[in-house]
Amino acid sequence: DLTSNPFPYMPKNQGHVTVTYYVPVEPKLGQVALIGSVYAQSRSFFEATAARDLQLLPTGLDGISQKPYTTLNLRAEWTDVKESGWNVAAFVNNATDKLYAAGKTPQLQTLGFAATNYAAPRMVGVQVWKKFGGL
């Protein structure tokens, strides 16, 4: 009986908030923005029969699921630098360097382990780009 079995790959709760602050600068200098994004989710399961697996192996919860987590992304962006059409941004993705599973292949009943694919660690970068044409 799989009644009340959690849906695989779907957390029961999740949320995402992005806040953008536009720094007051002279328009001829371009536009400067500071951006922060927070994402949070509750536990998600990577097994279609999670309830049954937990009946057979009650200690296997972390082997078939990802516990709740929160990530933070930060970005500073300067667009149309001095009316040149050039843009530049610096960013930090996963600023808190949170380790979490993006996917798992649970083999607890057959092989006794779960293979895990982890999400990207903290990443720092710079972007430079220019738009061409009137689009």
N, C-alpha and C. Protein backbone atom coordinates (compact mmCIF):
# COMPACT_ATOMS: atom_id res chain seq x y z
N ASP A 1 0.85 -1.19 0.00
CA ASP A 1 0.00 0.00 0.00
C ASP A 1 0.89 1.24 0.00
N LEU A 2 0.84 2.03 -1.05
CA LEU A 2 1.67 3.24 -1.16
C LEU A 2 0.87 4.51 -0.90
N THR A 3 -0.23 4.39 -0.17
CA THR A 3 -1.02 5.57 0.21
C THR A 3 -0.14 6.51 1.01
N SER A 4 -0.22 7.79 0.73
CA SER A 4 0.57 8.84 1.40
C SER A 4 2.06 8.75 1.08
N ASN A 5 2.42 8.02 0.05
CA ASN A 5 3.82 7.96 -0.36
C ASN A 5 4.21 9.31 -0.96
N PRO A 6 5.37 9.88 -0.57
CA PRO A 6 5.75 11.19 -1.14
C PRO A 6 6.06 11.07 -2.62
N PHE A 7 5.74 12.13 -3.37
CA PHE A 7 6.08 12.16 -4.78
C PHE A 7 7.59 12.23 -4.93
N PRO A 8 8.18 11.44 -5.83
CA PRO A 8 9.63 11.53 -6.02
C PRO A 8 10.02 12.82 -6.73
N TYR A 9 11.19 13.34 -6.39
CA TYR A 9 11.80 14.52 -7.03
C TYR A 9 11.01 15.81 -6.83
N MET A 10 10.06 15.81 -5.91
CA MET A 10 9.26 17.02 -5.67
C MET A 10 9.18 17.30 -4.18
N PRO A 11 9.83 18.36 -3.70
CA PRO A 11 9.68 18.68 -2.28
C PRO A 11 8.25 19.12 -1.98
N LYS A 12 7.81 18.88 -0.77
CA LYS A 12 6.46 19.28 -0.39
C LYS A 12 6.35 20.80 -0.39
N ASN A 13 7.42 21.49 0.05
CA ASN A 13 7.45 22.95 0.09
C ASN A 13 8.74 23.46 -0.51
N GLN A 14 8.62 24.54 -1.24
CA GLN A 14 9.81 25.22 -1.74
C GLN A 14 9.47 26.69 -1.97
N GLY A 15 10.50 27.52 -1.95
CA GLY A 15 10.29 28.95 -2.16
C GLY A 15 11.53 29.60 -2.71
N HIS A 16 11.32 30.70 -3.40
CA HIS A 16 12.41 31.43 -4.04
C HIS A 16 12.09 32.91 -3.93
N VAL A 17 13.05 33.69 -3.43
CA VAL A 17 12.88 35.14 -3.31
C VAL A 17 14.11 35.81 -3.91
N THR A 18 13.87 36.79 -4.78
CA THR A 18 14.96 37.58 -5.35
C THR A 18 14.69 39.05 -5.03
N VAL A 19 15.72 39.71 -4.53
CA VAL A 19 15.64 41.13 -4.21
C VAL A 19 16.67 41.86 -5.07
N THR A 20 16.23 42.92 -5.76
CA THR A 20 17.13 43.73 -6.58
C THR A 20 17.11 45.16 -6.08
N TYR A 21 18.29 45.70 -5.83
CA TYR A 21 18.44 47.09 -5.41
C TYR A 21 19.19 47.83 -6.51
N TYR A 22 18.56 48.87 -7.06
CA TYR A 22 19.21 49.68 -8.08
C TYR A 22 19.92 50.84 -7.40
N VAL A 23 21.23 50.87 -7.53
CA VAL A 23 22.05 51.90 -6.91
C VAL A 23 21.81 53.21 -7.65
N PRO A 24 21.52 54.30 -6.92
CA PRO A 24 21.29 55.58 -7.60
C PRO A 24 22.59 56.16 -8.16
N VAL A 25 22.70 56.14 -9.49
CA VAL A 25 23.86 56.73 -10.18
C VAL A 25 23.34 57.58 -11.33
N GLU A 26 24.17 58.45 -11.84
CA GLU A 26 23.77 59.27 -13.00
C GLU A 26 23.43 58.36 -14.18
N PRO A 27 22.35 58.62 -14.88
CA PRO A 27 21.94 57.78 -16.01
C PRO A 27 23.02 57.63 -17.08
N LYS A 28 23.85 58.64 -17.29
CA LYS A 28 24.89 58.54 -18.33
C LYS A 28 25.99 57.54 -17.94
N LEU A 29 26.04 57.14 -16.68
CA LEU A 29 27.02 56.14 -16.24
C LEU A 29 26.51 54.71 -16.46
N GLY A 30 25.22 54.56 -16.69
CA GLY A 30 24.62 53.25 -16.86
C GLY A 30 23.72 52.93 -15.68
N GLN A 31 23.49 51.65 -15.45
CA GLN A 31 22.63 51.22 -14.35
C GLN A 31 23.37 50.17 -13.52
N VAL A 32 23.39 50.38 -12.20
CA VAL A 32 24.06 49.46 -11.29
C VAL A 32 23.01 48.79 -10.41
N ALA A 33 23.08 47.47 -10.33
CA ALA A 33 22.12 46.72 -9.53
C ALA A 33 22.84 45.70 -8.65
N LEU A 34 22.34 45.55 -7.43
CA LEU A 34 22.80 44.52 -6.51
C LEU A 34 21.65 43.54 -6.33
N ILE A 35 21.92 42.26 -6.52
CA ILE A 35 20.86 41.26 -6.57
C ILE A 35 21.19 40.11 -5.62
N GLY A 36 20.22 39.71 -4.84
CA GLY A 36 20.36 38.55 -3.97
C GLY A 36 19.18 37.62 -4.16
N SER A 37 19.46 36.32 -4.29
CA SER A 37 18.40 35.31 -4.46
C SER A 37 18.57 34.21 -3.42
N VAL A 38 17.47 33.88 -2.76
CA VAL A 38 17.46 32.80 -1.78
C VAL A 38 16.48 31.74 -2.26
N TYR A 39 16.90 30.48 -2.21
CA TYR A 39 16.03 29.35 -2.55
C TYR A 39 16.05 28.38 -1.37
N ALA A 40 14.89 27.88 -1.00
CA ALA A 40 14.80 26.90 0.08
C ALA A 40 13.77 25.85 -0.29
N GLN A 41 14.02 24.63 0.18
CA GLN A 41 13.06 23.56 -0.06
C GLN A 41 13.07 22.58 1.09
N SER A 42 11.95 21.88 1.25
CA SER A 42 11.84 20.83 2.26
C SER A 42 12.45 19.54 1.70
N ARG A 43 12.39 18.50 2.48
CA ARG A 43 12.97 17.21 2.06
C ARG A 43 12.35 16.75 0.74
N SER A 44 13.19 16.22 -0.14
CA SER A 44 12.68 15.62 -1.38
C SER A 44 13.21 14.20 -1.48
N PHE A 45 12.40 13.34 -2.05
CA PHE A 45 12.71 11.92 -2.16
C PHE A 45 13.13 11.58 -3.59
N PHE A 46 14.05 10.65 -3.71
CA PHE A 46 14.56 10.22 -5.02
C PHE A 46 14.14 8.79 -5.32
N GLU A 47 13.08 8.35 -4.69
CA GLU A 47 12.63 6.97 -4.82
C GLU A 47 11.11 6.98 -4.93
N ALA A 48 10.57 6.30 -5.93
CA ALA A 48 9.11 6.27 -6.13
C ALA A 48 8.39 5.51 -5.02
N THR A 49 9.08 4.60 -4.36
CA THR A 49 8.46 3.80 -3.31
C THR A 49 9.12 4.09 -1.97
N ALA A 50 9.30 5.37 -1.66
CA ALA A 50 10.02 5.76 -0.45
C ALA A 50 9.40 5.21 0.82
N ALA A 51 8.08 5.24 0.94
CA ALA A 51 7.43 4.76 2.15
C ALA A 51 7.72 3.27 2.36
N ARG A 52 7.68 2.51 1.28
CA ARG A 52 7.95 1.05 1.38
C ARG A 52 9.41 0.82 1.75
N ASP A 53 10.32 1.56 1.13
CA ASP A 53 11.74 1.39 1.45
C ASP A 53 12.03 1.71 2.90
N LEU A 54 11.36 2.73 3.45
CA LEU A 54 11.59 3.08 4.84
C LEU A 54 10.97 2.05 5.79
N GLN A 55 9.94 1.35 5.36
CA GLN A 55 9.40 0.25 6.17
C GLN A 55 10.43 -0.87 6.28
N LEU A 56 11.13 -1.13 5.17
CA LEU A 56 12.12 -2.21 5.14
C LEU A 56 13.44 -1.80 5.79
N LEU A 57 13.82 -0.52 5.65
CA LEU A 57 15.09 -0.03 6.17
C LEU A 57 14.89 1.36 6.79
N PRO A 58 14.39 1.42 8.02
CA PRO A 58 14.07 2.71 8.66
C PRO A 58 15.25 3.67 8.76
N THR A 59 16.47 3.18 8.76
CA THR A 59 17.64 4.06 8.88
C THR A 59 18.09 4.60 7.52
N GLY A 60 17.38 4.29 6.44
CA GLY A 60 17.81 4.67 5.10
C GLY A 60 17.27 5.99 4.59
N LEU A 61 16.72 6.84 5.47
CA LEU A 61 16.08 8.08 5.02
C LEU A 61 17.02 8.95 4.19
N ASP A 62 18.24 9.19 4.65
CA ASP A 62 19.16 10.04 3.89
C ASP A 62 19.68 9.36 2.63
N GLY A 63 19.56 8.05 2.54
CA GLY A 63 19.98 7.34 1.34
C GLY A 63 18.99 7.45 0.20
N ILE A 64 17.74 7.76 0.51
CA ILE A 64 16.72 7.85 -0.54
C ILE A 64 16.16 9.26 -0.70
N SER A 65 16.73 10.21 0.06
CA SER A 65 16.18 11.57 0.00
C SER A 65 17.27 12.61 0.24
N GLN A 66 16.90 13.87 0.05
CA GLN A 66 17.75 15.01 0.36
C GLN A 66 17.05 15.81 1.44
N LYS A 67 17.75 16.03 2.57
CA LYS A 67 17.13 16.80 3.65
C LYS A 67 16.94 18.25 3.21
N PRO A 68 16.14 19.03 3.91
CA PRO A 68 15.89 20.43 3.53
C PRO A 68 17.18 21.24 3.44
N TYR A 69 17.20 22.19 2.51
CA TYR A 69 18.38 23.04 2.35
C TYR A 69 17.98 24.41 1.82
N THR A 70 18.90 25.35 1.96
CA THR A 70 18.73 26.72 1.48
C THR A 70 20.00 27.14 0.76
N THR A 71 19.85 27.83 -0.37
CA THR A 71 21.01 28.35 -1.09
C THR A 71 20.87 29.87 -1.26
N LEU A 72 22.01 30.52 -1.47
CA LEU A 72 22.06 31.96 -1.64
C LEU A 72 22.93 32.29 -2.84
N ASN A 73 22.41 33.08 -3.77
CA ASN A 73 23.16 33.58 -4.92
C ASN A 73 23.22 35.10 -4.85
N LEU A 74 24.40 35.66 -5.15
CA LEU A 74 24.61 37.10 -5.11
C LEU A 74 25.15 37.58 -6.45
N ARG A 75 24.77 38.81 -6.83
CA ARG A 75 25.21 39.35 -8.12
C ARG A 75 25.27 40.86 -8.05
N ALA A 76 26.31 41.43 -8.62
CA ALA A 76 26.43 42.88 -8.80
C ALA A 76 26.56 43.11 -10.30
N GLU A 77 25.72 43.98 -10.85
CA GLU A 77 25.64 44.14 -12.30
C GLU A 77 25.68 45.62 -12.69
N TRP A 78 26.49 45.94 -13.68
CA TRP A 78 26.58 47.31 -14.21
C TRP A 78 26.27 47.21 -15.69
N THR A 79 25.10 47.71 -16.09
CA THR A 79 24.68 47.61 -17.49
C THR A 79 24.85 48.95 -18.20
N ASP A 80 25.11 48.84 -19.50
CA ASP A 80 25.34 50.01 -20.37
C ASP A 80 26.37 50.95 -19.76
N VAL A 81 27.54 50.40 -19.50
CA VAL A 81 28.63 51.15 -18.85
C VAL A 81 28.96 52.41 -19.64
N LYS A 82 28.73 53.55 -19.03
CA LYS A 82 29.00 54.87 -19.62
C LYS A 82 28.44 54.99 -21.04
N GLU A 83 27.23 54.46 -21.23
CA GLU A 83 26.51 54.50 -22.50
C GLU A 83 27.27 53.83 -23.65
N SER A 84 28.10 52.84 -23.32
CA SER A 84 28.92 52.16 -24.33
C SER A 84 28.23 50.92 -24.90
N GLY A 85 27.17 50.45 -24.26
CA GLY A 85 26.53 49.22 -24.68
C GLY A 85 27.14 47.99 -24.02
N TRP A 86 28.27 48.16 -23.35
CA TRP A 86 28.92 47.06 -22.64
C TRP A 86 28.31 46.89 -21.26
N ASN A 87 28.33 45.65 -20.79
CA ASN A 87 27.79 45.30 -19.49
C ASN A 87 28.80 44.42 -18.75
N VAL A 88 28.81 44.52 -17.44
CA VAL A 88 29.72 43.69 -16.64
C VAL A 88 29.00 43.29 -15.35
N ALA A 89 29.29 42.08 -14.91
CA ALA A 89 28.67 41.59 -13.67
C ALA A 89 29.65 40.69 -12.94
N ALA A 90 29.56 40.69 -11.63
CA ALA A 90 30.30 39.75 -10.78
C ALA A 90 29.26 38.98 -9.98
N PHE A 91 29.49 37.69 -9.79
CA PHE A 91 28.49 36.88 -9.10
C PHE A 91 29.12 35.82 -8.22
N VAL A 92 28.34 35.38 -7.25
CA VAL A 92 28.68 34.23 -6.41
C VAL A 92 27.44 33.36 -6.34
N ASN A 93 27.51 32.18 -6.92
CA ASN A 93 26.41 31.22 -6.84
C ASN A 93 26.70 30.25 -5.70
N ASN A 94 25.68 29.88 -4.97
CA ASN A 94 25.81 29.02 -3.80
C ASN A 94 26.83 29.63 -2.84
N ALA A 95 26.58 30.88 -2.47
CA ALA A 95 27.53 31.66 -1.65
C ALA A 95 27.87 30.99 -0.32
N THR A 96 26.95 30.24 0.25
CA THR A 96 27.21 29.57 1.53
C THR A 96 27.86 28.20 1.35
N ASP A 97 28.15 27.84 0.10
CA ASP A 97 28.80 26.57 -0.24
C ASP A 97 28.05 25.37 0.34
N LYS A 98 26.73 25.38 0.19
CA LYS A 98 25.88 24.32 0.71
C LYS A 98 26.06 23.05 -0.12
N LEU A 99 26.33 21.94 0.55
CA LEU A 99 26.44 20.64 -0.10
C LEU A 99 25.08 19.96 -0.08
N TYR A 100 24.53 19.68 -1.26
CA TYR A 100 23.23 19.00 -1.33
C TYR A 100 23.16 18.16 -2.60
N ALA A 101 22.33 17.15 -2.55
CA ALA A 101 22.19 16.22 -3.66
C ALA A 101 21.21 16.76 -4.69
N ALA A 102 21.62 16.74 -5.94
CA ALA A 102 20.73 17.10 -7.04
C ALA A 102 19.98 15.86 -7.53
N GLY A 103 20.50 14.70 -7.22
CA GLY A 103 19.87 13.45 -7.59
C GLY A 103 20.57 12.28 -6.93
N LYS A 104 19.84 11.19 -6.76
CA LYS A 104 20.40 9.97 -6.18
C LYS A 104 19.82 8.77 -6.90
N THR A 105 20.59 7.71 -6.90
CA THR A 105 20.12 6.43 -7.40
C THR A 105 20.20 5.45 -6.23
N PRO A 106 19.13 5.36 -5.46
CA PRO A 106 19.14 4.49 -4.28
C PRO A 106 19.15 3.01 -4.66
N GLN A 107 20.11 2.28 -4.14
CA GLN A 107 20.20 0.84 -4.32
C GLN A 107 20.33 0.17 -2.96
N LEU A 108 19.59 0.70 -1.97
CA LEU A 108 19.75 0.25 -0.59
C LEU A 108 19.37 -1.21 -0.40
N GLN A 109 18.30 -1.65 -1.03
CA GLN A 109 17.83 -3.02 -0.82
C GLN A 109 18.69 -4.04 -1.57
N THR A 110 19.21 -3.65 -2.74
CA THR A 110 19.96 -4.60 -3.55
C THR A 110 21.46 -4.57 -3.27
N LEU A 111 22.05 -3.38 -3.30
CA LEU A 111 23.50 -3.26 -3.15
C LEU A 111 23.93 -2.63 -1.83
N GLY A 112 22.99 -1.99 -1.13
CA GLY A 112 23.31 -1.42 0.18
C GLY A 112 23.89 -0.02 0.16
N PHE A 113 23.79 0.69 -0.96
CA PHE A 113 24.29 2.06 -1.03
C PHE A 113 23.44 2.89 -1.98
N ALA A 114 23.71 4.19 -2.01
CA ALA A 114 23.02 5.10 -2.93
C ALA A 114 24.09 5.93 -3.64
N ALA A 115 24.05 5.96 -4.96
CA ALA A 115 24.95 6.82 -5.73
C ALA A 115 24.33 8.21 -5.79
N THR A 116 25.14 9.23 -5.53
CA THR A 116 24.62 10.59 -5.42
C THR A 116 25.30 11.53 -6.41
N ASN A 117 24.50 12.38 -7.06
CA ASN A 117 25.00 13.47 -7.89
C ASN A 117 24.81 14.75 -7.10
N TYR A 118 25.91 15.44 -6.82
CA TYR A 118 25.84 16.64 -6.01
C TYR A 118 25.72 17.88 -6.89
N ALA A 119 25.04 18.90 -6.36
CA ALA A 119 24.91 20.18 -7.06
C ALA A 119 26.27 20.90 -7.02
N ALA A 120 26.39 21.92 -7.84
CA ALA A 120 27.66 22.66 -7.94
C ALA A 120 28.01 23.33 -6.61
N PRO A 121 29.30 23.34 -6.26
CA PRO A 121 29.72 24.04 -5.04
C PRO A 121 29.72 25.55 -5.29
N ARG A 122 30.23 26.33 -4.34
CA ARG A 122 30.31 27.78 -4.51
C ARG A 122 31.06 28.08 -5.82
N MET A 123 30.50 29.00 -6.60
CA MET A 123 31.13 29.40 -7.85
C MET A 123 31.17 30.92 -7.92
N VAL A 124 32.35 31.45 -8.18
CA VAL A 124 32.56 32.88 -8.28
C VAL A 124 32.94 33.18 -9.72
N GLY A 125 32.38 34.25 -10.28
CA GLY A 125 32.69 34.55 -11.66
C GLY A 125 32.43 36.00 -12.04
N VAL A 126 32.86 36.32 -13.24
CA VAL A 126 32.66 37.64 -13.83
C VAL A 126 32.12 37.42 -15.24
N GLN A 127 31.15 38.24 -15.62
CA GLN A 127 30.60 38.19 -16.97
C GLN A 127 30.78 39.55 -17.63
N VAL A 128 31.11 39.52 -18.90
CA VAL A 128 31.18 40.74 -19.70
C VAL A 128 30.44 40.44 -20.99
N TRP A 129 29.52 41.33 -21.38
CA TRP A 129 28.77 41.10 -22.61
C TRP A 129 28.32 42.41 -23.23
N LYS A 130 27.98 42.33 -24.50
CA LYS A 130 27.47 43.49 -25.23
C LYS A 130 26.36 43.03 -26.15
N LYS A 131 25.28 43.80 -26.17
CA LYS A 131 24.18 43.53 -27.08
C LYS A 131 24.42 44.30 -28.37
N PHE A 132 24.18 43.64 -29.49
CA PHE A 132 24.33 44.28 -30.79
C PHE A 132 22.97 44.41 -31.44
N GLY A 133 22.75 45.45 -32.17
CA GLY A 133 21.49 45.66 -32.85
C GLY A 133 20.46 46.31 -31.95
N GLY A 134 19.26 46.45 -32.47
CA GLY A 134 18.21 47.15 -31.73
C GLY A 134 17.27 46.23 -30.95
N LEU A 135 17.62 44.96 -30.77
CA LEU A 135 16.74 44.03 -30.06
C LEU A 135 16.92 44.10 -28.58
